Amino acid sequence: PYHVPVSNEIYLKGHKKVVSCLAVDHTGNRLITGSHDYNLRLYDFHGMKRDLQPFRKIDVPCGDHQIVALSYSPSGDLILVVPGSCQPKIFDRDGREEGVFPRGDMYIRDQKNTKGHVMGCTSGQWHPTERGEALTGSFDGTMRLWEIGR
């Protein structure tokens, strides 16, 4: 039912397994992809050469955890990387790690009394207008709103 006009099409190579998530920055210039091969690939459409290779390859940024969600901040300068572990990470727009979220204490029964997720994360997204806020979800049944300060 939807007829999306396609004027250009390219085939981006870079991952060895299924691409599980992607995010485009608000300007449409940059793309980040995450995969079940545990890796991230960053593409810059304005600086891309004919070989269509990513400008940055980040191999295994979250250990042996598949990447399940990616999100650019509203300003486009930070990237939320959500692996299948309980600790999402923040990267800058050039792929340098800026920080990691705290791990929760799995021995505390009441999840509101622990500082982070205790089971693997399933989703994550930046707040659409607030640069310093992100939301993550987890198999532990919690959604956590994080305030990210620089």
N, C-alpha and C. Protein backbone atom coordinates (compact mmCIF):
# COMPACT_ATOMS: atom_id res chain seq x y z
N PRO A 1 0.80 -1.20 0.00
CA PRO A 1 0.00 0.00 0.00
C PRO A 1 0.85 1.27 0.00
N TYR A 2 2.06 1.22 0.55
CA TYR A 2 2.91 2.41 0.59
C TYR A 2 3.87 2.37 -0.59
N HIS A 3 3.94 3.45 -1.30
CA HIS A 3 4.84 3.55 -2.44
C HIS A 3 5.90 4.58 -2.11
N VAL A 4 6.97 4.10 -1.50
CA VAL A 4 8.06 4.97 -1.11
C VAL A 4 8.94 5.22 -2.33
N PRO A 5 9.15 6.48 -2.68
CA PRO A 5 10.00 6.76 -3.85
C PRO A 5 11.46 6.46 -3.52
N VAL A 6 12.11 5.71 -4.37
CA VAL A 6 13.51 5.39 -4.19
C VAL A 6 14.28 6.00 -5.35
N SER A 7 15.11 6.97 -5.03
CA SER A 7 15.88 7.62 -6.09
C SER A 7 17.31 7.11 -6.11
N ASN A 8 17.80 6.64 -4.98
CA ASN A 8 19.17 6.13 -4.90
C ASN A 8 19.17 4.90 -4.01
N GLU A 9 20.00 3.96 -4.37
CA GLU A 9 20.12 2.75 -3.58
C GLU A 9 21.58 2.34 -3.56
N ILE A 10 22.09 2.00 -2.37
CA ILE A 10 23.46 1.51 -2.25
C ILE A 10 23.47 0.28 -1.38
N TYR A 11 24.48 -0.51 -1.53
CA TYR A 11 24.64 -1.73 -0.74
C TYR A 11 25.85 -1.52 0.16
N LEU A 12 25.63 -1.41 1.46
CA LEU A 12 26.71 -1.17 2.42
C LEU A 12 27.17 -2.50 2.99
N LYS A 13 28.43 -2.81 2.79
CA LYS A 13 29.01 -4.03 3.34
C LYS A 13 29.73 -3.67 4.63
N GLY A 14 29.89 -4.64 5.49
CA GLY A 14 30.65 -4.35 6.70
C GLY A 14 30.44 -5.34 7.82
N HIS A 15 29.28 -5.94 7.92
CA HIS A 15 29.02 -6.89 9.00
C HIS A 15 29.07 -8.32 8.47
N LYS A 16 29.40 -9.24 9.37
CA LYS A 16 29.47 -10.65 8.99
C LYS A 16 28.19 -11.41 9.33
N LYS A 17 27.35 -10.82 10.19
CA LYS A 17 26.07 -11.43 10.56
C LYS A 17 24.97 -10.40 10.38
N VAL A 18 23.77 -10.77 10.75
CA VAL A 18 22.59 -9.93 10.53
C VAL A 18 22.75 -8.56 11.20
N VAL A 19 22.34 -7.52 10.49
CA VAL A 19 22.30 -6.17 11.05
C VAL A 19 21.02 -6.08 11.87
N SER A 20 21.16 -5.89 13.17
CA SER A 20 20.01 -5.94 14.09
C SER A 20 19.42 -4.57 14.39
N CYS A 21 20.18 -3.50 14.15
CA CYS A 21 19.66 -2.16 14.43
C CYS A 21 20.48 -1.13 13.67
N LEU A 22 19.86 0.03 13.48
CA LEU A 22 20.56 1.14 12.84
C LEU A 22 19.94 2.44 13.32
N ALA A 23 20.70 3.51 13.15
CA ALA A 23 20.20 4.84 13.51
C ALA A 23 20.83 5.85 12.56
N VAL A 24 20.04 6.84 12.19
CA VAL A 24 20.48 7.94 11.34
C VAL A 24 20.43 9.21 12.17
N ASP A 25 21.48 10.03 12.09
CA ASP A 25 21.44 11.27 12.87
C ASP A 25 20.41 12.23 12.28
N HIS A 26 20.09 13.28 13.02
CA HIS A 26 18.99 14.17 12.65
C HIS A 26 19.23 14.93 11.35
N THR A 27 20.49 15.04 10.93
CA THR A 27 20.77 15.73 9.66
C THR A 27 20.71 14.78 8.47
N GLY A 28 20.75 13.48 8.73
CA GLY A 28 20.75 12.50 7.65
C GLY A 28 22.13 12.25 7.07
N ASN A 29 23.17 12.82 7.68
CA ASN A 29 24.53 12.67 7.17
C ASN A 29 25.23 11.41 7.65
N ARG A 30 24.86 10.95 8.84
CA ARG A 30 25.58 9.82 9.43
C ARG A 30 24.63 8.67 9.73
N LEU A 31 25.18 7.47 9.59
CA LEU A 31 24.45 6.23 9.86
C LEU A 31 25.33 5.36 10.73
N ILE A 32 24.74 4.73 11.75
CA ILE A 32 25.45 3.74 12.55
C ILE A 32 24.66 2.45 12.49
N THR A 33 25.35 1.33 12.35
CA THR A 33 24.70 0.03 12.31
C THR A 33 25.29 -0.86 13.40
N GLY A 34 24.43 -1.69 13.98
CA GLY A 34 24.85 -2.67 14.98
C GLY A 34 24.43 -4.04 14.51
N SER A 35 25.15 -5.06 14.96
CA SER A 35 24.93 -6.38 14.40
C SER A 35 25.05 -7.48 15.44
N HIS A 36 24.62 -8.66 15.01
CA HIS A 36 24.78 -9.86 15.84
C HIS A 36 26.22 -10.37 15.80
N ASP A 37 27.10 -9.71 15.01
CA ASP A 37 28.52 -10.05 15.06
C ASP A 37 29.23 -9.24 16.15
N TYR A 38 28.44 -8.54 16.99
CA TYR A 38 28.90 -7.77 18.16
C TYR A 38 29.57 -6.45 17.78
N ASN A 39 29.52 -6.04 16.52
CA ASN A 39 30.28 -4.88 16.06
C ASN A 39 29.39 -3.71 15.67
N LEU A 40 30.01 -2.52 15.62
CA LEU A 40 29.37 -1.30 15.15
C LEU A 40 30.10 -0.79 13.92
N ARG A 41 29.34 -0.18 13.00
CA ARG A 41 29.92 0.46 11.82
C ARG A 41 29.31 1.84 11.70
N LEU A 42 30.17 2.86 11.50
CA LEU A 42 29.72 4.24 11.34
C LEU A 42 30.02 4.70 9.92
N TYR A 43 28.99 5.24 9.28
CA TYR A 43 29.10 5.72 7.90
C TYR A 43 28.82 7.22 7.88
N ASP A 44 29.58 7.92 7.06
CA ASP A 44 29.38 9.36 6.84
C ASP A 44 29.10 9.55 5.36
N PHE A 45 27.85 9.86 5.01
CA PHE A 45 27.47 9.94 3.60
C PHE A 45 28.16 11.07 2.86
N HIS A 46 28.49 12.17 3.56
CA HIS A 46 29.14 13.30 2.89
C HIS A 46 30.62 13.03 2.62
N GLY A 47 31.24 12.21 3.46
CA GLY A 47 32.66 11.93 3.28
C GLY A 47 32.93 10.55 2.70
N MET A 48 31.89 9.87 2.27
CA MET A 48 32.03 8.49 1.81
C MET A 48 32.70 8.43 0.43
N LYS A 49 33.61 7.48 0.29
CA LYS A 49 34.29 7.27 -0.98
C LYS A 49 33.51 6.25 -1.81
N ARG A 50 33.99 6.00 -2.99
CA ARG A 50 33.30 5.08 -3.91
C ARG A 50 33.21 3.65 -3.38
N ASP A 51 34.14 3.26 -2.49
CA ASP A 51 34.12 1.89 -1.98
C ASP A 51 33.02 1.66 -0.92
N LEU A 52 32.34 2.73 -0.49
CA LEU A 52 31.21 2.68 0.44
C LEU A 52 31.55 2.05 1.79
N GLN A 53 32.80 2.17 2.21
CA GLN A 53 33.23 1.61 3.48
C GLN A 53 32.91 2.55 4.63
N PRO A 54 32.69 2.02 5.83
CA PRO A 54 32.45 2.89 6.99
C PRO A 54 33.72 3.66 7.34
N PHE A 55 33.54 4.84 7.92
CA PHE A 55 34.71 5.62 8.32
C PHE A 55 35.27 5.13 9.66
N ARG A 56 34.45 4.38 10.40
CA ARG A 56 34.92 3.82 11.67
C ARG A 56 34.29 2.46 11.87
N LYS A 57 35.13 1.49 12.25
CA LYS A 57 34.68 0.15 12.60
C LYS A 57 35.02 -0.06 14.06
N ILE A 58 34.02 -0.36 14.86
CA ILE A 58 34.24 -0.60 16.28
C ILE A 58 33.94 -2.07 16.52
N ASP A 59 35.00 -2.84 16.73
CA ASP A 59 34.85 -4.28 16.92
C ASP A 59 34.64 -4.61 18.39
N VAL A 60 33.58 -5.31 18.67
CA VAL A 60 33.22 -5.82 19.99
C VAL A 60 33.27 -4.73 21.07
N PRO A 61 32.48 -3.65 20.90
CA PRO A 61 32.50 -2.58 21.90
C PRO A 61 31.84 -2.95 23.23
N CYS A 62 31.03 -3.99 23.24
CA CYS A 62 30.30 -4.37 24.45
C CYS A 62 30.56 -5.83 24.82
N GLY A 63 31.77 -6.30 24.55
CA GLY A 63 32.09 -7.69 24.85
C GLY A 63 31.31 -8.63 23.94
N ASP A 64 31.00 -9.78 24.42
CA ASP A 64 30.28 -10.79 23.63
C ASP A 64 28.77 -10.61 23.75
N HIS A 65 28.30 -9.40 23.47
CA HIS A 65 26.87 -9.10 23.51
C HIS A 65 26.45 -8.49 22.18
N GLN A 66 25.40 -9.03 21.61
CA GLN A 66 24.87 -8.50 20.37
C GLN A 66 24.29 -7.12 20.60
N ILE A 67 24.38 -6.28 19.59
CA ILE A 67 23.84 -4.92 19.68
C ILE A 67 22.34 -5.00 19.36
N VAL A 68 21.49 -4.49 20.27
CA VAL A 68 20.04 -4.61 20.08
C VAL A 68 19.36 -3.28 19.75
N ALA A 69 19.99 -2.15 20.07
CA ALA A 69 19.37 -0.86 19.77
C ALA A 69 20.43 0.23 19.69
N LEU A 70 20.17 1.22 18.83
CA LEU A 70 21.04 2.38 18.66
C LEU A 70 20.18 3.62 18.56
N SER A 71 20.70 4.74 19.07
CA SER A 71 19.94 5.98 18.99
C SER A 71 20.88 7.17 19.08
N TYR A 72 20.70 8.13 18.15
CA TYR A 72 21.44 9.39 18.21
C TYR A 72 20.72 10.34 19.16
N SER A 73 21.49 11.14 19.89
CA SER A 73 20.90 12.17 20.74
C SER A 73 20.26 13.23 19.85
N PRO A 74 19.36 14.07 20.40
CA PRO A 74 18.70 15.10 19.58
C PRO A 74 19.68 16.05 18.89
N SER A 75 20.82 16.31 19.52
CA SER A 75 21.81 17.19 18.91
C SER A 75 22.73 16.44 17.95
N GLY A 76 22.71 15.11 17.99
CA GLY A 76 23.51 14.30 17.09
C GLY A 76 24.95 14.09 17.52
N ASP A 77 25.33 14.59 18.70
CA ASP A 77 26.72 14.46 19.13
C ASP A 77 27.00 13.22 19.97
N LEU A 78 25.96 12.53 20.43
CA LEU A 78 26.13 11.32 21.23
C LEU A 78 25.29 10.19 20.66
N ILE A 79 25.75 8.96 20.90
CA ILE A 79 25.05 7.77 20.43
C ILE A 79 24.82 6.84 21.62
N LEU A 80 23.58 6.41 21.79
CA LEU A 80 23.25 5.41 22.79
C LEU A 80 23.39 4.05 22.13
N VAL A 81 24.23 3.20 22.70
CA VAL A 81 24.45 1.84 22.20
C VAL A 81 23.92 0.87 23.25
N VAL A 82 22.91 0.08 22.86
CA VAL A 82 22.28 -0.85 23.78
C VAL A 82 22.64 -2.27 23.36
N PRO A 83 23.51 -2.92 24.14
CA PRO A 83 23.84 -4.31 23.85
C PRO A 83 22.88 -5.24 24.59
N GLY A 84 23.03 -6.52 24.38
CA GLY A 84 22.21 -7.49 25.09
C GLY A 84 22.61 -7.66 26.54
N SER A 85 23.58 -6.90 27.02
CA SER A 85 23.98 -6.96 28.43
C SER A 85 23.14 -5.97 29.22
N CYS A 86 23.39 -5.87 30.51
CA CYS A 86 22.62 -4.96 31.35
C CYS A 86 23.23 -3.56 31.43
N GLN A 87 24.28 -3.30 30.64
CA GLN A 87 24.96 -2.01 30.71
C GLN A 87 25.07 -1.33 29.35
N PRO A 88 24.11 -0.47 29.00
CA PRO A 88 24.23 0.31 27.77
C PRO A 88 25.44 1.25 27.86
N LYS A 89 25.86 1.74 26.71
CA LYS A 89 27.02 2.63 26.65
C LYS A 89 26.68 3.87 25.84
N ILE A 90 27.47 4.91 26.06
CA ILE A 90 27.37 6.16 25.31
C ILE A 90 28.66 6.34 24.53
N PHE A 91 28.52 6.63 23.24
CA PHE A 91 29.66 6.94 22.38
C PHE A 91 29.47 8.33 21.80
N ASP A 92 30.59 8.98 21.44
CA ASP A 92 30.45 10.26 20.75
C ASP A 92 30.18 9.98 19.27
N ARG A 93 29.92 11.01 18.49
CA ARG A 93 29.52 10.81 17.10
C ARG A 93 30.62 10.24 16.22
N ASP A 94 31.86 10.25 16.72
CA ASP A 94 32.98 9.68 15.98
C ASP A 94 33.35 8.28 16.45
N GLY A 95 32.56 7.73 17.38
CA GLY A 95 32.76 6.34 17.80
C GLY A 95 33.67 6.13 18.99
N ARG A 96 33.96 7.19 19.74
CA ARG A 96 34.77 7.03 20.95
C ARG A 96 33.84 6.85 22.16
N GLU A 97 34.17 5.87 22.99
CA GLU A 97 33.33 5.59 24.16
C GLU A 97 33.41 6.74 25.16
N GLU A 98 32.22 7.21 25.59
CA GLU A 98 32.13 8.31 26.54
C GLU A 98 31.76 7.83 27.94
N GLY A 99 31.05 6.71 28.03
CA GLY A 99 30.66 6.21 29.34
C GLY A 99 29.83 4.96 29.26
N VAL A 100 29.66 4.34 30.42
CA VAL A 100 28.87 3.12 30.52
C VAL A 100 27.89 3.28 31.67
N PHE A 101 26.70 2.76 31.51
CA PHE A 101 25.67 2.88 32.53
C PHE A 101 25.97 1.89 33.67
N PRO A 102 25.55 2.21 34.89
CA PRO A 102 25.84 1.31 36.01
C PRO A 102 25.04 0.02 35.94
N ARG A 103 25.62 -1.01 36.49
CA ARG A 103 24.96 -2.32 36.57
C ARG A 103 24.18 -2.37 37.88
N GLY A 104 22.99 -2.93 37.82
CA GLY A 104 22.17 -3.06 39.01
C GLY A 104 22.62 -4.23 39.88
N ASP A 105 22.19 -4.23 41.10
CA ASP A 105 22.50 -5.31 42.04
C ASP A 105 21.39 -6.35 41.95
N MET A 106 21.71 -7.53 41.40
CA MET A 106 20.68 -8.54 41.17
C MET A 106 20.17 -9.19 42.45
N TYR A 107 20.81 -8.92 43.57
CA TYR A 107 20.37 -9.52 44.83
C TYR A 107 19.38 -8.64 45.59
N ILE A 108 19.09 -7.46 45.06
CA ILE A 108 18.08 -6.59 45.66
C ILE A 108 16.75 -6.90 44.99
N ARG A 109 15.76 -7.25 45.77
CA ARG A 109 14.47 -7.65 45.21
C ARG A 109 13.70 -6.49 44.60
N ASP A 110 13.66 -5.37 45.29
CA ASP A 110 12.91 -4.21 44.81
C ASP A 110 13.78 -3.44 43.83
N GLN A 111 13.44 -3.50 42.54
CA GLN A 111 14.28 -2.92 41.49
C GLN A 111 14.44 -1.41 41.60
N LYS A 112 13.53 -0.73 42.29
CA LYS A 112 13.68 0.73 42.42
C LYS A 112 14.81 1.09 43.38
N ASN A 113 15.33 0.11 44.11
CA ASN A 113 16.42 0.36 45.05
C ASN A 113 17.80 0.01 44.48
N THR A 114 17.86 -0.29 43.21
CA THR A 114 19.15 -0.56 42.58
C THR A 114 19.39 0.46 41.47
N LYS A 115 20.63 0.68 41.13
CA LYS A 115 20.99 1.79 40.25
C LYS A 115 20.97 1.49 38.74
N GLY A 116 20.74 0.25 38.36
CA GLY A 116 20.76 -0.08 36.95
C GLY A 116 20.00 -1.36 36.65
N HIS A 117 20.07 -1.80 35.41
CA HIS A 117 19.41 -3.04 35.01
C HIS A 117 20.18 -4.24 35.57
N VAL A 118 19.46 -5.30 35.86
CA VAL A 118 20.09 -6.51 36.37
C VAL A 118 20.05 -7.65 35.35
N MET A 119 19.32 -7.46 34.27
CA MET A 119 19.27 -8.44 33.19
C MET A 119 19.53 -7.70 31.87
N GLY A 120 19.67 -8.45 30.81
CA GLY A 120 20.00 -7.88 29.51
C GLY A 120 19.00 -6.84 29.04
N CYS A 121 19.51 -5.84 28.35
CA CYS A 121 18.66 -4.77 27.81
C CYS A 121 18.01 -5.22 26.50
N THR A 122 16.84 -4.67 26.24
CA THR A 122 16.08 -5.02 25.04
C THR A 122 15.84 -3.82 24.14
N SER A 123 15.96 -2.61 24.67
CA SER A 123 15.67 -1.42 23.88
C SER A 123 16.28 -0.19 24.52
N GLY A 124 16.34 0.88 23.75
CA GLY A 124 16.84 2.14 24.27
C GLY A 124 16.60 3.25 23.27
N GLN A 125 16.39 4.44 23.79
CA GLN A 125 16.10 5.58 22.91
C GLN A 125 16.41 6.88 23.65
N TRP A 126 16.97 7.86 22.93
CA TRP A 126 17.14 9.19 23.50
C TRP A 126 15.78 9.87 23.59
N HIS A 127 15.66 10.76 24.55
CA HIS A 127 14.48 11.62 24.61
C HIS A 127 14.50 12.48 23.35
N PRO A 128 13.36 12.71 22.71
CA PRO A 128 13.36 13.43 21.43
C PRO A 128 13.79 14.90 21.52
N THR A 129 13.64 15.52 22.67
CA THR A 129 14.01 16.94 22.76
C THR A 129 15.03 17.24 23.86
N GLU A 130 15.13 16.40 24.86
CA GLU A 130 16.06 16.64 25.96
C GLU A 130 17.38 15.94 25.68
N ARG A 131 18.43 16.71 25.47
CA ARG A 131 19.72 16.16 25.10
C ARG A 131 20.28 15.19 26.14
N GLY A 132 20.03 15.42 27.39
CA GLY A 132 20.65 14.63 28.45
C GLY A 132 19.80 13.52 29.02
N GLU A 133 18.76 13.07 28.33
CA GLU A 133 17.91 12.01 28.87
C GLU A 133 17.74 10.88 27.87
N ALA A 134 17.86 9.66 28.40
CA ALA A 134 17.65 8.47 27.56
C ALA A 134 16.85 7.45 28.36
N LEU A 135 16.13 6.61 27.65
CA LEU A 135 15.30 5.58 28.26
C LEU A 135 15.76 4.23 27.77
N THR A 136 15.88 3.26 28.70
CA THR A 136 16.24 1.90 28.31
C THR A 136 15.26 0.91 28.94
N GLY A 137 15.09 -0.22 28.26
CA GLY A 137 14.23 -1.29 28.76
C GLY A 137 15.05 -2.57 28.88
N SER A 138 14.58 -3.48 29.75
CA SER A 138 15.36 -4.67 30.03
C SER A 138 14.48 -5.89 30.26
N PHE A 139 15.09 -7.06 30.17
CA PHE A 139 14.41 -8.31 30.50
C PHE A 139 14.05 -8.39 31.98
N ASP A 140 14.60 -7.51 32.81
CA ASP A 140 14.25 -7.53 34.22
C ASP A 140 12.89 -6.88 34.49
N GLY A 141 12.22 -6.43 33.43
CA GLY A 141 10.88 -5.86 33.56
C GLY A 141 10.86 -4.39 33.89
N THR A 142 12.02 -3.72 33.83
CA THR A 142 12.07 -2.30 34.17
C THR A 142 12.38 -1.45 32.95
N MET A 143 11.91 -0.22 33.02
CA MET A 143 12.30 0.84 32.10
C MET A 143 13.03 1.85 32.97
N ARG A 144 14.17 2.31 32.50
CA ARG A 144 14.94 3.27 33.30
C ARG A 144 15.18 4.54 32.50
N LEU A 145 14.88 5.67 33.13
CA LEU A 145 15.14 6.98 32.54
C LEU A 145 16.47 7.46 33.11
N TRP A 146 17.41 7.71 32.24
CA TRP A 146 18.76 8.10 32.64
C TRP A 146 18.99 9.58 32.34
N GLU A 147 19.66 10.25 33.26
CA GLU A 147 20.12 11.62 33.03
C GLU A 147 21.59 11.55 32.75
N ILE A 148 21.98 11.93 31.55
CA ILE A 148 23.36 11.85 31.13
C ILE A 148 23.96 13.22 31.19
N GLY A 149 25.00 13.38 31.98
CA GLY A 149 25.70 14.65 32.09
C GLY A 149 27.10 14.50 31.53
N ARG A 150 27.63 15.58 31.03
CA ARG A 150 28.99 15.51 30.47
C ARG A 150 29.99 15.98 31.47
